[in-house]
Amino acid sequence: MMNPEELRAVLGAATPAELHALEHAHWRYMTLIGSVSGVVTAEVAASDRDAFRHYAREPGSQNAFSEEDCTAFMVAITGLASTLCDAWADHDFYSLHGVIDNESVANSPIQC
């Protein structure tokens, strides 16, 4: 896992289009593992379940989130470097746990 300074540097160098792709891919992964619903279209969710069945988890299962699987899925979906996808997953972890806030990650527009 990257520390907050490392992920700020990586995400700070990303383009707005890359950040948008990362956010979209991350929500698709979170949908695939059953952590969220209604964030992506039903068609996209069904397609991801078919194409990436090996990453899918049963909703509510313990340890559903896997950073390694999340990164691999995001790389497959976006075609972006694993370092960039790792940074996005770490950003999500740190912001979820209050270590950083979304605004402090970079001076780039992270939201869609």
PDB file of N, CA and C in Angstrom:
ATOM      1  N   MET A   1       0.848  -1.179   0.000  1.00  0.00           N
ATOM      2  CA  MET A   1       0.000   0.000   0.000  1.00  0.00           C
ATOM      3  C   MET A   1       0.893   1.242   0.000  1.00  0.00           C
ATOM      4  N   MET A   2       0.526   2.184  -0.846  1.00  0.00           N
ATOM      5  CA  MET A   2       1.260   3.447  -0.902  1.00  0.00           C
ATOM      6  C   MET A   2       0.922   4.288   0.316  1.00  0.00           C
ATOM      7  N   ASN A   3       1.885   5.094   0.725  1.00  0.00           N
ATOM      8  CA  ASN A   3       1.560   6.045   1.787  1.00  0.00           C
ATOM      9  C   ASN A   3       0.868   7.253   1.144  1.00  0.00           C
ATOM     10  N   PRO A   4       0.227   8.094   1.960  1.00  0.00           N
ATOM     11  CA  PRO A   4      -0.532   9.221   1.383  1.00  0.00           C
ATOM     12  C   PRO A   4       0.285  10.130   0.461  1.00  0.00           C
ATOM     13  N   GLU A   5       1.550  10.364   0.785  1.00  0.00           N
ATOM     14  CA  GLU A   5       2.365  11.238  -0.060  1.00  0.00           C
ATOM     15  C   GLU A   5       2.622  10.605  -1.425  1.00  0.00           C
ATOM     16  N   GLU A   6       2.879   9.291  -1.439  1.00  0.00           N
ATOM     17  CA  GLU A   6       3.117   8.599  -2.709  1.00  0.00           C
ATOM     18  C   GLU A   6       1.874   8.634  -3.592  1.00  0.00           C
ATOM     19  N   LEU A   7       0.720   8.355  -3.000  1.00  0.00           N
ATOM     20  CA  LEU A   7      -0.479   8.333  -3.839  1.00  0.00           C
ATOM     21  C   LEU A   7      -0.851   9.727  -4.318  1.00  0.00           C
ATOM     22  N   ARG A   8      -0.583  10.759  -3.512  1.00  0.00           N
ATOM     23  CA  ARG A   8      -0.826  12.126  -3.975  1.00  0.00           C
ATOM     24  C   ARG A   8       0.029  12.436  -5.200  1.00  0.00           C
ATOM     25  N   ALA A   9       1.290  12.002  -5.164  1.00  0.00           N
ATOM     26  CA  ALA A   9       2.190  12.251  -6.293  1.00  0.00           C
ATOM     27  C   ALA A   9       1.713  11.520  -7.550  1.00  0.00           C
ATOM     28  N   VAL A  10       1.336  10.266  -7.408  1.00  0.00           N
ATOM     29  CA  VAL A  10       0.891   9.487  -8.566  1.00  0.00           C
ATOM     30  C   VAL A  10      -0.406  10.054  -9.129  1.00  0.00           C
ATOM     31  N   LEU A  11      -1.397  10.275  -8.261  1.00  0.00           N
ATOM     32  CA  LEU A  11      -2.683  10.784  -8.736  1.00  0.00           C
ATOM     33  C   LEU A  11      -2.584  12.230  -9.207  1.00  0.00           C
ATOM     34  N   GLY A  12      -1.665  12.990  -8.616  1.00  0.00           N
ATOM     35  CA  GLY A  12      -1.478  14.376  -9.029  1.00  0.00           C
ATOM     36  C   GLY A  12      -0.935  14.498 -10.440  1.00  0.00           C
ATOM     37  N   ALA A  13      -0.271  13.447 -10.917  1.00  0.00           N
ATOM     38  CA  ALA A  13       0.278  13.456 -12.274  1.00  0.00           C
ATOM     39  C   ALA A  13      -0.711  12.903 -13.304  1.00  0.00           C
ATOM     40  N   ALA A  14      -1.831  12.377 -12.828  1.00  0.00           N
ATOM     41  CA  ALA A  14      -2.828  11.790 -13.739  1.00  0.00           C
ATOM     42  C   ALA A  14      -3.642  12.881 -14.421  1.00  0.00           C
ATOM     43  N   THR A  15      -4.092  12.586 -15.618  1.00  0.00           N
ATOM     44  CA  THR A  15      -4.947  13.524 -16.349  1.00  0.00           C
ATOM     45  C   THR A  15      -6.378  13.421 -15.822  1.00  0.00           C
ATOM     46  N   PRO A  16      -7.195  14.429 -16.071  1.00  0.00           N
ATOM     47  CA  PRO A  16      -8.604  14.326 -15.679  1.00  0.00           C
ATOM     48  C   PRO A  16      -9.308  13.111 -16.298  1.00  0.00           C
ATOM     49  N   ALA A  17      -8.974  12.785 -17.537  1.00  0.00           N
ATOM     50  CA  ALA A  17      -9.582  11.616 -18.180  1.00  0.00           C
ATOM     51  C   ALA A  17      -9.170  10.324 -17.468  1.00  0.00           C
ATOM     52  N   GLU A  18      -7.917  10.234 -17.051  1.00  0.00           N
ATOM     53  CA  GLU A  18      -7.461   9.051 -16.319  1.00  0.00           C
ATOM     54  C   GLU A  18      -8.170   8.949 -14.971  1.00  0.00           C
ATOM     55  N   LEU A  19      -8.307  10.072 -14.272  1.00  0.00           N
ATOM     56  CA  LEU A  19      -9.001  10.066 -12.987  1.00  0.00           C
ATOM     57  C   LEU A  19     -10.455   9.637 -13.144  1.00  0.00           C
ATOM     58  N   HIS A  20     -11.097  10.110 -14.192  1.00  0.00           N
ATOM     59  CA  HIS A  20     -12.476   9.714 -14.468  1.00  0.00           C
ATOM     60  C   HIS A  20     -12.556   8.204 -14.720  1.00  0.00           C
ATOM     61  N   ALA A  21     -11.631   7.682 -15.528  1.00  0.00           N
ATOM     62  CA  ALA A  21     -11.613   6.251 -15.828  1.00  0.00           C
ATOM     63  C   ALA A  21     -11.375   5.424 -14.566  1.00  0.00           C
ATOM     64  N   LEU A  22     -10.484   5.900 -13.702  1.00  0.00           N
ATOM     65  CA  LEU A  22     -10.202   5.197 -12.446  1.00  0.00           C
ATOM     66  C   LEU A  22     -11.427   5.164 -11.548  1.00  0.00           C
ATOM     67  N   GLU A  23     -12.085   6.289 -11.424  1.00  0.00           N
ATOM     68  CA  GLU A  23     -13.266   6.335 -10.564  1.00  0.00           C
ATOM     69  C   GLU A  23     -14.346   5.399 -11.090  1.00  0.00           C
ATOM     70  N   HIS A  24     -14.584   5.436 -12.389  1.00  0.00           N
ATOM     71  CA  HIS A  24     -15.605   4.579 -12.992  1.00  0.00           C
ATOM     72  C   HIS A  24     -15.249   3.099 -12.797  1.00  0.00           C
ATOM     73  N   ALA A  25     -13.998   2.740 -13.047  1.00  0.00           N
ATOM     74  CA  ALA A  25     -13.568   1.344 -12.893  1.00  0.00           C
ATOM     75  C   ALA A  25     -13.677   0.893 -11.435  1.00  0.00           C
ATOM     76  N   HIS A  26     -13.350   1.779 -10.517  1.00  0.00           N
ATOM     77  CA  HIS A  26     -13.432   1.427  -9.100  1.00  0.00           C
ATOM     78  C   HIS A  26     -14.873   1.143  -8.692  1.00  0.00           C
ATOM     79  N   TRP A  27     -15.827   1.968  -9.154  1.00  0.00           N
ATOM     80  CA  TRP A  27     -17.240   1.720  -8.838  1.00  0.00           C
ATOM     81  C   TRP A  27     -17.722   0.421  -9.477  1.00  0.00           C
ATOM     82  N   ARG A  28     -17.205   0.119 -10.651  1.00  0.00           N
ATOM     83  CA  ARG A  28     -17.565  -1.158 -11.275  1.00  0.00           C
ATOM     84  C   ARG A  28     -17.065  -2.325 -10.447  1.00  0.00           C
ATOM     85  N   TYR A  29     -15.835  -2.219  -9.916  1.00  0.00           N
ATOM     86  CA  TYR A  29     -15.307  -3.291  -9.066  1.00  0.00           C
ATOM     87  C   TYR A  29     -16.133  -3.402  -7.783  1.00  0.00           C
ATOM     88  N   MET A  30     -16.446  -2.279  -7.167  1.00  0.00           N
ATOM     89  CA  MET A  30     -17.228  -2.303  -5.931  1.00  0.00           C
ATOM     90  C   MET A  30     -18.607  -2.912  -6.173  1.00  0.00           C
ATOM     91  N   THR A  31     -19.173  -2.688  -7.350  1.00  0.00           N
ATOM     92  CA  THR A  31     -20.440  -3.316  -7.724  1.00  0.00           C
ATOM     93  C   THR A  31     -20.249  -4.818  -7.914  1.00  0.00           C
ATOM     94  N   LEU A  32     -19.170  -5.192  -8.579  1.00  0.00           N
ATOM     95  CA  LEU A  32     -18.876  -6.594  -8.862  1.00  0.00           C
ATOM     96  C   LEU A  32     -18.753  -7.425  -7.587  1.00  0.00           C
ATOM     97  N   ILE A  33     -18.166  -6.839  -6.544  1.00  0.00           N
ATOM     98  CA  ILE A  33     -17.995  -7.605  -5.300  1.00  0.00           C
ATOM     99  C   ILE A  33     -19.183  -7.462  -4.359  1.00  0.00           C
ATOM    100  N   GLY A  34     -20.207  -6.735  -4.790  1.00  0.00           N
ATOM    101  CA  GLY A  34     -21.424  -6.635  -3.998  1.00  0.00           C
ATOM    102  C   GLY A  34     -21.405  -5.593  -2.904  1.00  0.00           C
ATOM    103  N   SER A  35     -20.441  -4.682  -2.927  1.00  0.00           N
ATOM    104  CA  SER A  35     -20.362  -3.649  -1.889  1.00  0.00           C
ATOM    105  C   SER A  35     -21.335  -2.509  -2.127  1.00  0.00           C
ATOM    106  N   VAL A  36     -21.687  -2.255  -3.380  1.00  0.00           N
ATOM    107  CA  VAL A  36     -22.630  -1.197  -3.730  1.00  0.00           C
ATOM    108  C   VAL A  36     -23.555  -1.718  -4.821  1.00  0.00           C
ATOM    109  N   SER A  37     -24.655  -1.028  -4.987  1.00  0.00           N
ATOM    110  CA  SER A  37     -25.549  -1.349  -6.105  1.00  0.00           C
ATOM    111  C   SER A  37     -26.149  -0.051  -6.615  1.00  0.00           C
ATOM    112  N   GLY A  38     -26.575  -0.079  -7.857  1.00  0.00           N
ATOM    113  CA  GLY A  38     -27.205   1.085  -8.449  1.00  0.00           C
ATOM    114  C   GLY A  38     -26.254   2.177  -8.892  1.00  0.00           C
ATOM    115  N   VAL A  39     -24.968   1.924  -8.841  1.00  0.00           N
ATOM    116  CA  VAL A  39     -23.974   2.929  -9.224  1.00  0.00           C
ATOM    117  C   VAL A  39     -23.659   2.837 -10.717  1.00  0.00           C
ATOM    118  N   VAL A  40     -23.629   1.634 -11.237  1.00  0.00           N
ATOM    119  CA  VAL A  40     -23.435   1.427 -12.670  1.00  0.00           C
ATOM    120  C   VAL A  40     -24.713   0.805 -13.221  1.00  0.00           C
ATOM    121  N   THR A  41     -24.884   0.864 -14.517  1.00  0.00           N
ATOM    122  CA  THR A  41     -26.104   0.315 -15.112  1.00  0.00           C
ATOM    123  C   THR A  41     -26.159  -1.200 -14.904  1.00  0.00           C
ATOM    124  N   ALA A  42     -27.358  -1.718 -14.930  1.00  0.00           N
ATOM    125  CA  ALA A  42     -27.553  -3.164 -14.773  1.00  0.00           C
ATOM    126  C   ALA A  42     -26.832  -3.932 -15.876  1.00  0.00           C
ATOM    127  N   GLU A  43     -26.792  -3.358 -17.071  1.00  0.00           N
ATOM    128  CA  GLU A  43     -26.120  -4.009 -18.196  1.00  0.00           C
ATOM    129  C   GLU A  43     -24.617  -4.122 -17.958  1.00  0.00           C
ATOM    130  N   VAL A  44     -24.018  -3.039 -17.473  1.00  0.00           N
ATOM    131  CA  VAL A  44     -22.578  -3.058 -17.182  1.00  0.00           C
ATOM    132  C   VAL A  44     -22.287  -4.045 -16.065  1.00  0.00           C
ATOM    133  N   ALA A  45     -23.098  -4.028 -15.013  1.00  0.00           N
ATOM    134  CA  ALA A  45     -22.893  -4.953 -13.887  1.00  0.00           C
ATOM    135  C   ALA A  45     -22.991  -6.400 -14.355  1.00  0.00           C
ATOM    136  N   ALA A  46     -23.979  -6.711 -15.180  1.00  0.00           N
ATOM    137  CA  ALA A  46     -24.141  -8.082 -15.682  1.00  0.00           C
ATOM    138  C   ALA A  46     -22.971  -8.482 -16.570  1.00  0.00           C
ATOM    139  N   SER A  47     -22.540  -7.577 -17.420  1.00  0.00           N
ATOM    140  CA  SER A  47     -21.402  -7.843 -18.294  1.00  0.00           C
ATOM    141  C   SER A  47     -20.135  -8.100 -17.485  1.00  0.00           C
ATOM    142  N   ASP A  48     -19.909  -7.281 -16.447  1.00  0.00           N
ATOM    143  CA  ASP A  48     -18.736  -7.477 -15.592  1.00  0.00           C
ATOM    144  C   ASP A  48     -18.798  -8.818 -14.862  1.00  0.00           C
ATOM    145  N   ARG A  49     -19.984  -9.197 -14.372  1.00  0.00           N
ATOM    146  CA  ARG A  49     -20.129 -10.494 -13.684  1.00  0.00           C
ATOM    147  C   ARG A  49     -19.790 -11.641 -14.624  1.00  0.00           C
ATOM    148  N   ASP A  50     -20.175 -11.519 -15.883  1.00  0.00           N
ATOM    149  CA  ASP A  50     -19.868 -12.569 -16.854  1.00  0.00           C
ATOM    150  C   ASP A  50     -18.390 -12.585 -17.224  1.00  0.00           C
ATOM    151  N   ALA A  51     -17.842 -11.423 -17.508  1.00  0.00           N
ATOM    152  CA  ALA A  51     -16.459 -11.333 -17.993  1.00  0.00           C
ATOM    153  C   ALA A  51     -15.416 -11.494 -16.887  1.00  0.00           C
ATOM    154  N   PHE A  52     -15.772 -11.110 -15.668  1.00  0.00           N
ATOM    155  CA  PHE A  52     -14.800 -11.106 -14.567  1.00  0.00           C
ATOM    156  C   PHE A  52     -15.315 -11.909 -13.380  1.00  0.00           C
ATOM    157  N   ARG A  53     -15.929 -13.034 -13.677  1.00  0.00           N
ATOM    158  CA  ARG A  53     -16.526 -13.889 -12.647  1.00  0.00           C
ATOM    159  C   ARG A  53     -15.521 -14.241 -11.525  1.00  0.00           C
ATOM    160  N   HIS A  54     -14.266 -14.381 -11.880  1.00  0.00           N
ATOM    161  CA  HIS A  54     -13.243 -14.771 -10.903  1.00  0.00           C
ATOM    162  C   HIS A  54     -12.981 -13.683  -9.847  1.00  0.00           C
ATOM    163  N   TYR A  55     -13.419 -12.447 -10.071  1.00  0.00           N
ATOM    164  CA  TYR A  55     -13.274 -11.391  -9.071  1.00  0.00           C
ATOM    165  C   TYR A  55     -14.536 -11.215  -8.232  1.00  0.00           C
ATOM    166  N   ALA A  56     -15.660 -11.726  -8.714  1.00  0.00           N
ATOM    167  CA  ALA A  56     -16.939 -11.507  -8.044  1.00  0.00           C
ATOM    168  C   ALA A  56     -16.960 -12.166  -6.668  1.00  0.00           C
ATOM    169  N   ARG A  57     -17.677 -11.544  -5.760  1.00  0.00           N
ATOM    170  CA  ARG A  57     -17.870 -12.067  -4.411  1.00  0.00           C
ATOM    171  C   ARG A  57     -19.365 -12.104  -4.127  1.00  0.00           C
ATOM    172  N   GLU A  58     -19.726 -12.914  -3.191  1.00  0.00           N
ATOM    173  CA  GLU A  58     -21.114 -12.924  -2.748  1.00  0.00           C
ATOM    174  C   GLU A  58     -21.349 -11.687  -1.897  1.00  0.00           C
ATOM    175  N   PRO A  59     -22.454 -10.975  -2.127  1.00  0.00           N
ATOM    176  CA  PRO A  59     -22.750  -9.800  -1.298  1.00  0.00           C
ATOM    177  C   PRO A  59     -22.739 -10.157   0.181  1.00  0.00           C
ATOM    178  N   GLY A  60     -22.078  -9.326   0.971  1.00  0.00           N
ATOM    179  CA  GLY A  60     -22.016  -9.522   2.414  1.00  0.00           C
ATOM    180  C   GLY A  60     -20.942 -10.482   2.879  1.00  0.00           C
ATOM    181  N   SER A  61     -20.192 -11.092   1.960  1.00  0.00           N
ATOM    182  CA  SER A  61     -19.156 -12.022   2.394  1.00  0.00           C
ATOM    183  C   SER A  61     -18.013 -11.258   3.040  1.00  0.00           C
ATOM    184  N   GLN A  62     -17.391 -11.879   4.014  1.00  0.00           N
ATOM    185  CA  GLN A  62     -16.275 -11.218   4.689  1.00  0.00           C
ATOM    186  C   GLN A  62     -15.084 -11.136   3.745  1.00  0.00           C
ATOM    187  N   ASN A  63     -14.318 -10.089   3.942  1.00  0.00           N
ATOM    188  CA  ASN A  63     -13.115  -9.863   3.130  1.00  0.00           C
ATOM    189  C   ASN A  63     -13.420  -9.833   1.642  1.00  0.00           C
ATOM    190  N   ALA A  64     -14.555  -9.274   1.291  1.00  0.00           N
ATOM    191  CA  ALA A  64     -14.931  -9.207  -0.121  1.00  0.00           C
ATOM    192  C   ALA A  64     -13.951  -8.363  -0.912  1.00  0.00           C
ATOM    193  N   PHE A  65     -13.450  -7.266  -0.326  1.00  0.00           N
ATOM    194  CA  PHE A  65     -12.542  -6.385  -1.052  1.00  0.00           C
ATOM    195  C   PHE A  65     -11.145  -6.968  -1.048  1.00  0.00           C
ATOM    196  N   SER A  66     -10.556  -7.040  -2.220  1.00  0.00           N
ATOM    197  CA  SER A  66      -9.163  -7.463  -2.373  1.00  0.00           C
ATOM    198  C   SER A  66      -8.448  -6.376  -3.154  1.00  0.00           C
ATOM    199  N   GLU A  67      -7.451  -5.759  -2.544  1.00  0.00           N
ATOM    200  CA  GLU A  67      -6.720  -4.700  -3.243  1.00  0.00           C
ATOM    201  C   GLU A  67      -6.072  -5.228  -4.515  1.00  0.00           C
ATOM    202  N   GLU A  68      -5.542  -6.438  -4.449  1.00  0.00           N
ATOM    203  CA  GLU A  68      -4.900  -7.037  -5.616  1.00  0.00           C
ATOM    204  C   GLU A  68      -5.917  -7.250  -6.741  1.00  0.00           C
ATOM    205  N   ASP A  69      -7.083  -7.802  -6.401  1.00  0.00           N
ATOM    206  CA  ASP A  69      -8.119  -8.011  -7.411  1.00  0.00           C
ATOM    207  C   ASP A  69      -8.649  -6.689  -7.951  1.00  0.00           C
ATOM    208  N   CYS A  70      -8.828  -5.717  -7.062  1.00  0.00           N
ATOM    209  CA  CYS A  70      -9.316  -4.407  -7.482  1.00  0.00           C
ATOM    210  C   CYS A  70      -8.367  -3.792  -8.499  1.00  0.00           C
ATOM    211  N   THR A  71      -7.084  -3.831  -8.205  1.00  0.00           N
ATOM    212  CA  THR A  71      -6.089  -3.274  -9.118  1.00  0.00           C
ATOM    213  C   THR A  71      -6.100  -4.016 -10.448  1.00  0.00           C
ATOM    214  N   ALA A  72      -6.119  -5.346 -10.409  1.00  0.00           N
ATOM    215  CA  ALA A  72      -6.108  -6.137 -11.644  1.00  0.00           C
ATOM    216  C   ALA A  72      -7.357  -5.846 -12.477  1.00  0.00           C
ATOM    217  N   PHE A  73      -8.513  -5.744 -11.830  1.00  0.00           N
ATOM    218  CA  PHE A  73      -9.753  -5.424 -12.533  1.00  0.00           C
ATOM    219  C   PHE A  73      -9.655  -4.041 -13.164  1.00  0.00           C
ATOM    220  N   MET A  74      -9.187  -3.057 -12.401  1.00  0.00           N
ATOM    221  CA  MET A  74      -9.088  -1.695 -12.911  1.00  0.00           C
ATOM    222  C   MET A  74      -8.117  -1.599 -14.087  1.00  0.00           C
ATOM    223  N   VAL A  75      -7.019  -2.332 -14.020  1.00  0.00           N
ATOM    224  CA  VAL A  75      -6.070  -2.359 -15.138  1.00  0.00           C
ATOM    225  C   VAL A  75      -6.750  -2.943 -16.370  1.00  0.00           C
ATOM    226  N   ALA A  76      -7.483  -4.049 -16.180  1.00  0.00           N
ATOM    227  CA  ALA A  76      -8.169  -4.687 -17.309  1.00  0.00           C
ATOM    228  C   ALA A  76      -9.221  -3.770 -17.920  1.00  0.00           C
ATOM    229  N   ILE A  77      -9.934  -3.044 -17.092  1.00  0.00           N
ATOM    230  CA  ILE A  77     -11.015  -2.177 -17.565  1.00  0.00           C
ATOM    231  C   ILE A  77     -10.486  -0.906 -18.232  1.00  0.00           C
ATOM    232  N   THR A  78      -9.459  -0.308 -17.624  1.00  0.00           N
ATOM    233  CA  THR A  78      -8.988   1.000 -18.091  1.00  0.00           C
ATOM    234  C   THR A  78      -7.803   0.942 -19.047  1.00  0.00           C
ATOM    235  N   GLY A  79      -6.995  -0.111 -18.938  1.00  0.00           N
ATOM    236  CA  GLY A  79      -5.756  -0.167 -19.707  1.00  0.00           C
ATOM    237  C   GLY A  79      -4.672   0.723 -19.120  1.00  0.00           C
ATOM    238  N   LEU A  80      -4.928   1.286 -17.933  1.00  0.00           N
ATOM    239  CA  LEU A  80      -3.944   2.155 -17.284  1.00  0.00           C
ATOM    240  C   LEU A  80      -2.934   1.331 -16.495  1.00  0.00           C
ATOM    241  N   ALA A  81      -1.830   1.949 -16.140  1.00  0.00           N
ATOM    242  CA  ALA A  81      -0.760   1.275 -15.401  1.00  0.00           C
ATOM    243  C   ALA A  81      -1.237   0.835 -14.017  1.00  0.00           C
ATOM    244  N   SER A  82      -0.696  -0.285 -13.554  1.00  0.00           N
ATOM    245  CA  SER A  82      -1.096  -0.801 -12.239  1.00  0.00           C
ATOM    246  C   SER A  82      -0.736   0.176 -11.121  1.00  0.00           C
ATOM    247  N   THR A  83       0.326   0.944 -11.279  1.00  0.00           N
ATOM    248  CA  THR A  83       0.702   1.930 -10.259  1.00  0.00           C
ATOM    249  C   THR A  83      -0.410   2.954 -10.080  1.00  0.00           C
ATOM    250  N   LEU A  84      -0.977   3.396 -11.167  1.00  0.00           N
ATOM    251  CA  LEU A  84      -2.061   4.372 -11.110  1.00  0.00           C
ATOM    252  C   LEU A  84      -3.315   3.753 -10.488  1.00  0.00           C
ATOM    253  N   CYS A  85      -3.616   2.519 -10.859  1.00  0.00           N
ATOM    254  CA  CYS A  85      -4.783   1.839 -10.298  1.00  0.00           C
ATOM    255  C   CYS A  85      -4.581   1.538  -8.814  1.00  0.00           C
ATOM    256  N   ASP A  86      -3.370   1.150  -8.428  1.00  0.00           N
ATOM    257  CA  ASP A  86      -3.044   0.953  -7.003  1.00  0.00           C
ATOM    258  C   ASP A  86      -3.276   2.242  -6.220  1.00  0.00           C
ATOM    259  N   ALA A  87      -2.813   3.346  -6.780  1.00  0.00           N
ATOM    260  CA  ALA A  87      -2.952   4.631  -6.091  1.00  0.00           C
ATOM    261  C   ALA A  87      -4.428   4.966  -5.877  1.00  0.00           C
ATOM    262  N   TRP A  88      -5.271   4.692  -6.869  1.00  0.00           N
ATOM    263  CA  TRP A  88      -6.692   4.982  -6.714  1.00  0.00           C
ATOM    264  C   TRP A  88      -7.307   4.116  -5.613  1.00  0.00           C
ATOM    265  N   ALA A  89      -6.976   2.834  -5.594  1.00  0.00           N
ATOM    266  CA  ALA A  89      -7.507   1.939  -4.562  1.00  0.00           C
ATOM    267  C   ALA A  89      -7.014   2.378  -3.183  1.00  0.00           C
ATOM    268  N   ASP A  90      -5.751   2.774  -3.078  1.00  0.00           N
ATOM    269  CA  ASP A  90      -5.224   3.249  -1.799  1.00  0.00           C
ATOM    270  C   ASP A  90      -5.881   4.555  -1.386  1.00  0.00           C
ATOM    271  N   HIS A  91      -6.123   5.444  -2.355  1.00  0.00           N
ATOM    272  CA  HIS A  91      -6.817   6.698  -2.075  1.00  0.00           C
ATOM    273  C   HIS A  91      -8.181   6.410  -1.469  1.00  0.00           C
ATOM    274  N   ASP A  92      -8.896   5.446  -2.053  1.00  0.00           N
ATOM    275  CA  ASP A  92     -10.215   5.082  -1.545  1.00  0.00           C
ATOM    276  C   ASP A  92     -10.110   4.583  -0.106  1.00  0.00           C
ATOM    277  N   PHE A  93      -9.122   3.741   0.179  1.00  0.00           N
ATOM    278  CA  PHE A  93      -8.926   3.218   1.522  1.00  0.00           C
ATOM    279  C   PHE A  93      -8.630   4.343   2.514  1.00  0.00           C
ATOM    280  N   TYR A  94      -7.675   5.185   2.178  1.00  0.00           N
ATOM    281  CA  TYR A  94      -7.295   6.265   3.087  1.00  0.00           C
ATOM    282  C   TYR A  94      -8.426   7.255   3.324  1.00  0.00           C
ATOM    283  N   SER A  95      -9.184   7.580   2.273  1.00  0.00           N
ATOM    284  CA  SER A  95     -10.276   8.529   2.464  1.00  0.00           C
ATOM    285  C   SER A  95     -11.414   7.883   3.249  1.00  0.00           C
ATOM    286  N   LEU A  96     -11.657   6.601   3.033  1.00  0.00           N
ATOM    287  CA  LEU A  96     -12.687   5.885   3.774  1.00  0.00           C
ATOM    288  C   LEU A  96     -12.388   5.870   5.270  1.00  0.00           C
ATOM    289  N   HIS A  97     -11.117   5.752   5.611  1.00  0.00           N
ATOM    290  CA  HIS A  97     -10.708   5.670   7.009  1.00  0.00           C
ATOM    291  C   HIS A  97     -10.274   7.010   7.601  1.00  0.00           C
ATOM    292  N   GLY A  98     -10.503   8.094   6.867  1.00  0.00           N
ATOM    293  CA  GLY A  98     -10.265   9.424   7.398  1.00  0.00           C
ATOM    294  C   GLY A  98      -8.815   9.859   7.490  1.00  0.00           C
ATOM    295  N   VAL A  99      -7.908   9.143   6.830  1.00  0.00           N
ATOM    296  CA  VAL A  99      -6.495   9.516   6.854  1.00  0.00           C
ATOM    297  C   VAL A  99      -6.255  10.723   5.960  1.00  0.00           C
ATOM    298  N   ILE A 100      -6.956  10.762   4.838  1.00  0.00           N
ATOM    299  CA  ILE A 100      -6.897  11.905   3.926  1.00  0.00           C
ATOM    300  C   ILE A 100      -8.326  12.255   3.559  1.00  0.00           C
ATOM    301  N   ASP A 101      -8.505  13.449   3.052  1.00  0.00           N
ATOM    302  CA  ASP A 101      -9.817  13.774   2.510  1.00  0.00           C
ATOM    303  C   ASP A 101      -9.691  13.827   0.998  1.00  0.00           C
ATOM    304  N   ASN A 102     -10.809  13.711   0.320  1.00  0.00           N
ATOM    305  CA  ASN A 102     -10.795  13.667  -1.136  1.00  0.00           C
ATOM    306  C   ASN A 102     -10.155  14.901  -1.744  1.00  0.00           C
ATOM    307  N   GLU A 103     -10.306  16.053  -1.105  1.00  0.00           N
ATOM    308  CA  GLU A 103      -9.756  17.280  -1.672  1.00  0.00           C
ATOM    309  C   GLU A 103      -8.245  17.349  -1.561  1.00  0.00           C
ATOM    310  N   SER A 104      -7.650  16.601  -0.616  1.00  0.00           N
ATOM    311  CA  SER A 104      -6.213  16.726  -0.398  1.00  0.00           C
ATOM    312  C   SER A 104      -5.387  15.797  -1.262  1.00  0.00           C
ATOM    313  N   VAL A 105      -6.014  14.918  -2.024  1.00  0.00           N
ATOM    314  CA  VAL A 105      -5.245  13.947  -2.794  1.00  0.00           C
ATOM    315  C   VAL A 105      -4.415  14.628  -3.865  1.00  0.00           C
ATOM    316  N   ALA A 106      -5.010  15.517  -4.587  1.00  0.00           N
ATOM    317  CA  ALA A 106      -4.302  16.229  -5.658  1.00  0.00           C
ATOM    318  C   ALA A 106      -5.110  17.456  -6.006  1.00  0.00           C
ATOM    319  N   ASN A 107      -4.483  18.364  -6.681  1.00  0.00           N
ATOM    320  CA  ASN A 107      -5.194  19.546  -7.142  1.00  0.00           C
ATOM    321  C   ASN A 107      -5.805  19.305  -8.507  1.00  0.00           C
ATOM    322  N   SER A 108      -6.183  18.066  -8.766  1.00  0.00           N
ATOM    323  CA  SER A 108      -6.825  17.687 -10.011  1.00  0.00           C
ATOM    324  C   SER A 108      -8.273  17.328  -9.713  1.00  0.00           C
ATOM    325  N   PRO A 109      -9.140  17.456 -10.676  1.00  0.00           N
ATOM    326  CA  PRO A 109     -10.533  17.096 -10.428  1.00  0.00           C
ATOM    327  C   PRO A 109     -10.700  15.591 -10.366  1.00  0.00           C
ATOM    328  N   ILE A 110     -10.907  15.053  -9.182  1.00  0.00           N
ATOM    329  CA  ILE A 110     -11.027  13.609  -9.008  1.00  0.00           C
ATOM    330  C   ILE A 110     -12.454  13.161  -9.286  1.00  0.00           C
ATOM    331  N   GLN A 111     -13.417  13.999  -8.998  1.00  0.00           N
ATOM    332  CA  GLN A 111     -14.787  13.598  -9.202  1.00  0.00           C
ATOM    333  C   GLN A 111     -15.175  13.721 -10.665  1.00  0.00           C
ATOM    334  N   CYS A 112     -16.139  12.889 -11.070  1.00  0.00           N
ATOM    335  CA  CYS A 112     -16.614  12.904 -12.455  1.00  0.00           C
ATOM    336  C   CYS A 112     -17.337  14.187 -12.759  1.00  0.00           C
TER     337      CYS A 112
END
